[in-house]
Amino acid sequence: MSDTPNCPNCDSAYAYADRDNFICPECAHEWPVNAVEEEVVVRCANGNVLESGDSVTVIRDLKVKGSSSVVKVGTKVKNIRVLDPEYVNDGHDIDCKIDGFGAMKLKSSVVKRI
């Protein structure tokens, strides 16, 4: 029995190894042989694990890019969404909606879980 894993993209059983990569002939997806899937854990400034649906508080004043307004310390943000690592841009790993400001992305290092 082969120890070649199924394709992570389309779950095809016909993937094969070619040098340092596995290749799926059905969807043409390639991934490294030594790929280790790690579960990414997002932690707040206090070290608590954040999950989608949590409520957080902003721990310092944040300037809003493209505006003269500021998100003040202590602003409560409800129902956050933790982003997948592939969608994280410049460390902004939380997607949320802040009352009075609208939708924005935050870094987990500037919030604490409540």
C-alpha atoms as a PDB file:
ATOM      1  CA  MET A   1       0.000   0.000   0.000  1.00  0.00           C
ATOM      2  CA  SER A   2       1.319   3.428  -0.925  1.00  0.00           C
ATOM      3  CA  ASP A   3       2.148   6.021   1.717  1.00  0.00           C
ATOM      4  CA  THR A   4       1.457   8.890  -0.701  1.00  0.00           C
ATOM      5  CA  PRO A   5      -1.164  11.209   0.840  1.00  0.00           C
ATOM      6  CA  ASN A   6      -4.325  12.303  -0.929  1.00  0.00           C
ATOM      7  CA  CYS A   7      -4.291  15.713  -2.573  1.00  0.00           C
ATOM      8  CA  PRO A   8      -5.118  18.434   0.003  1.00  0.00           C
ATOM      9  CA  ASN A   9      -6.828  20.458  -2.728  1.00  0.00           C
ATOM     10  CA  CYS A  10      -9.203  17.940  -4.334  1.00  0.00           C
ATOM     11  CA  ASP A  11      -8.688  14.797  -2.166  1.00  0.00           C
ATOM     12  CA  SER A  12      -7.595  12.743  -5.174  1.00  0.00           C
ATOM     13  CA  ALA A  13      -5.942   9.411  -4.390  1.00  0.00           C
ATOM     14  CA  TYR A  14      -3.791   9.566  -7.550  1.00  0.00           C
ATOM     15  CA  ALA A  15      -1.132  11.974  -6.252  1.00  0.00           C
ATOM     16  CA  TYR A  16       2.477  10.970  -6.872  1.00  0.00           C
ATOM     17  CA  ALA A  17       5.913  12.038  -5.662  1.00  0.00           C
ATOM     18  CA  ASP A  18       8.300  13.877  -7.991  1.00  0.00           C
ATOM     19  CA  ARG A  19      11.624  14.842  -6.370  1.00  0.00           C
ATOM     20  CA  ASP A  20      10.744  17.158  -3.466  1.00  0.00           C
ATOM     21  CA  ASN A  21       7.044  17.597  -4.284  1.00  0.00           C
ATOM     22  CA  PHE A  22       3.822  15.650  -4.452  1.00  0.00           C
ATOM     23  CA  ILE A  23       1.788  16.325  -7.609  1.00  0.00           C
ATOM     24  CA  CYS A  24      -1.900  15.748  -8.228  1.00  0.00           C
ATOM     25  CA  PRO A  25      -2.628  14.833 -11.864  1.00  0.00           C
ATOM     26  CA  GLU A  26      -6.306  15.740 -11.540  1.00  0.00           C
ATOM     27  CA  CYS A  27      -6.059  19.352 -10.333  1.00  0.00           C
ATOM     28  CA  ALA A  28      -2.320  20.035 -10.951  1.00  0.00           C
ATOM     29  CA  HIS A  29      -1.797  21.021  -7.309  1.00  0.00           C
ATOM     30  CA  GLU A  30       1.788  20.668  -6.016  1.00  0.00           C
ATOM     31  CA  TRP A  31       2.907  20.593  -2.391  1.00  0.00           C
ATOM     32  CA  PRO A  32       6.219  19.789  -0.685  1.00  0.00           C
ATOM     33  CA  VAL A  33       6.921  16.234   0.448  1.00  0.00           C
ATOM     34  CA  ASN A  34       8.046  17.408   3.869  1.00  0.00           C
ATOM     35  CA  ALA A  35       5.083  19.734   4.377  1.00  0.00           C
ATOM     36  CA  VAL A  36       3.950  19.686   7.961  1.00  0.00           C
ATOM     37  CA  GLU A  37       0.531  21.123   8.547  1.00  0.00           C
ATOM     38  CA  GLU A  38       0.621  23.238  11.652  1.00  0.00           C
ATOM     39  CA  GLU A  39      -2.446  24.553  13.343  1.00  0.00           C
ATOM     40  CA  VAL A  40      -2.005  28.283  13.704  1.00  0.00           C
ATOM     41  CA  VAL A  41      -3.020  29.623  17.095  1.00  0.00           C
ATOM     42  CA  VAL A  42      -3.818  33.323  17.381  1.00  0.00           C
ATOM     43  CA  ARG A  43      -3.209  34.793  20.833  1.00  0.00           C
ATOM     44  CA  CYS A  44      -4.180  38.160  22.287  1.00  0.00           C
ATOM     45  CA  ALA A  45      -1.778  40.541  24.059  1.00  0.00           C
ATOM     46  CA  ASN A  46      -2.306  38.655  27.345  1.00  0.00           C
ATOM     47  CA  GLY A  47      -1.547  35.284  25.760  1.00  0.00           C
ATOM     48  CA  ASN A  48      -5.114  33.955  25.668  1.00  0.00           C
ATOM     49  CA  VAL A  49      -6.151  31.969  22.595  1.00  0.00           C
ATOM     50  CA  LEU A  50      -8.547  33.857  20.321  1.00  0.00           C
ATOM     51  CA  GLU A  51     -11.276  32.099  18.354  1.00  0.00           C
ATOM     52  CA  SER A  52     -13.875  33.341  15.901  1.00  0.00           C
ATOM     53  CA  GLY A  53     -16.905  34.725  17.726  1.00  0.00           C
ATOM     54  CA  ASP A  54     -14.953  36.026  20.745  1.00  0.00           C
ATOM     55  CA  SER A  55     -15.256  39.555  22.076  1.00  0.00           C
ATOM     56  CA  VAL A  56     -12.118  41.634  22.583  1.00  0.00           C
ATOM     57  CA  THR A  57     -11.092  45.050  23.895  1.00  0.00           C
ATOM     58  CA  VAL A  58      -8.577  47.383  22.241  1.00  0.00           C
ATOM     59  CA  ILE A  59      -5.611  48.006  24.578  1.00  0.00           C
ATOM     60  CA  ARG A  60      -4.183  51.167  22.981  1.00  0.00           C
ATOM     61  CA  ASP A  61      -5.258  54.018  20.707  1.00  0.00           C
ATOM     62  CA  LEU A  62      -5.234  52.997  17.048  1.00  0.00           C
ATOM     63  CA  LYS A  63      -4.974  55.465  14.198  1.00  0.00           C
ATOM     64  CA  VAL A  64      -7.322  54.600  11.360  1.00  0.00           C
ATOM     65  CA  LYS A  65      -5.483  54.638   8.052  1.00  0.00           C
ATOM     66  CA  GLY A  66      -6.904  57.182   5.632  1.00  0.00           C
ATOM     67  CA  SER A  67      -8.866  59.004   8.312  1.00  0.00           C
ATOM     68  CA  SER A  68      -8.227  61.459  11.111  1.00  0.00           C
ATOM     69  CA  SER A  69     -10.251  59.401  13.596  1.00  0.00           C
ATOM     70  CA  VAL A  70      -8.841  57.117  16.296  1.00  0.00           C
ATOM     71  CA  VAL A  71     -10.098  53.878  17.836  1.00  0.00           C
ATOM     72  CA  LYS A  72      -9.826  54.622  21.565  1.00  0.00           C
ATOM     73  CA  VAL A  73      -8.459  52.393  24.324  1.00  0.00           C
ATOM     74  CA  GLY A  74     -11.183  50.197  25.818  1.00  0.00           C
ATOM     75  CA  THR A  75     -13.303  49.983  22.670  1.00  0.00           C
ATOM     76  CA  LYS A  76     -15.189  46.687  22.756  1.00  0.00           C
ATOM     77  CA  VAL A  77     -15.277  44.633  19.587  1.00  0.00           C
ATOM     78  CA  LYS A  78     -17.835  41.824  19.452  1.00  0.00           C
ATOM     79  CA  ASN A  79     -17.905  38.738  17.255  1.00  0.00           C
ATOM     80  CA  ILE A  80     -14.391  38.816  15.778  1.00  0.00           C
ATOM     81  CA  ARG A  81     -13.306  36.491  12.987  1.00  0.00           C
ATOM     82  CA  VAL A  82      -9.833  34.942  13.126  1.00  0.00           C
ATOM     83  CA  LEU A  83      -8.375  34.830   9.607  1.00  0.00           C
ATOM     84  CA  ASP A  84      -6.663  31.862   7.978  1.00  0.00           C
ATOM     85  CA  PRO A  85      -2.893  32.311   7.635  1.00  0.00           C
ATOM     86  CA  GLU A  86      -3.171  32.606   3.846  1.00  0.00           C
ATOM     87  CA  TYR A  87      -5.328  35.739   4.225  1.00  0.00           C
ATOM     88  CA  VAL A  88      -3.169  37.453   6.845  1.00  0.00           C
ATOM     89  CA  ASN A  89      -1.593  40.642   5.543  1.00  0.00           C
ATOM     90  CA  ASP A  90       1.084  42.505   7.557  1.00  0.00           C
ATOM     91  CA  GLY A  91       0.121  40.694  10.766  1.00  0.00           C
ATOM     92  CA  HIS A  92      -3.526  41.786  10.704  1.00  0.00           C
ATOM     93  CA  ASP A  93      -5.014  38.438  11.705  1.00  0.00           C
ATOM     94  CA  ILE A  94      -8.435  39.514  13.049  1.00  0.00           C
ATOM     95  CA  ASP A  95     -11.366  40.681  10.931  1.00  0.00           C
ATOM     96  CA  CYS A  96     -14.067  42.617  12.775  1.00  0.00           C
ATOM     97  CA  LYS A  97     -16.670  45.350  12.648  1.00  0.00           C
ATOM     98  CA  ILE A  98     -16.256  48.261  15.049  1.00  0.00           C
ATOM     99  CA  ASP A  99     -19.270  50.451  15.812  1.00  0.00           C
ATOM    100  CA  GLY A 100     -18.755  53.905  14.338  1.00  0.00           C
ATOM    101  CA  PHE A 101     -15.860  52.783  12.118  1.00  0.00           C
ATOM    102  CA  GLY A 102     -17.134  49.802  10.121  1.00  0.00           C
ATOM    103  CA  ALA A 103     -15.256  46.715   8.994  1.00  0.00           C
ATOM    104  CA  MET A 104     -11.523  46.589   9.606  1.00  0.00           C
ATOM    105  CA  LYS A 105      -8.659  44.241  10.327  1.00  0.00           C
ATOM    106  CA  LEU A 106      -6.716  44.292  13.585  1.00  0.00           C
ATOM    107  CA  LYS A 107      -3.537  42.746  14.889  1.00  0.00           C
ATOM    108  CA  SER A 108      -3.969  40.314  17.749  1.00  0.00           C
ATOM    109  CA  SER A 109      -1.187  42.122  19.638  1.00  0.00           C
ATOM    110  CA  VAL A 110      -3.381  45.216  20.194  1.00  0.00           C
ATOM    111  CA  VAL A 111      -6.414  43.466  21.686  1.00  0.00           C
ATOM    112  CA  LYS A 112      -7.200  41.432  24.791  1.00  0.00           C
ATOM    113  CA  ARG A 113      -9.918  38.855  25.216  1.00  0.00           C
ATOM    114  CA  ILE A 114     -12.859  39.707  27.481  1.00  0.00           C
END
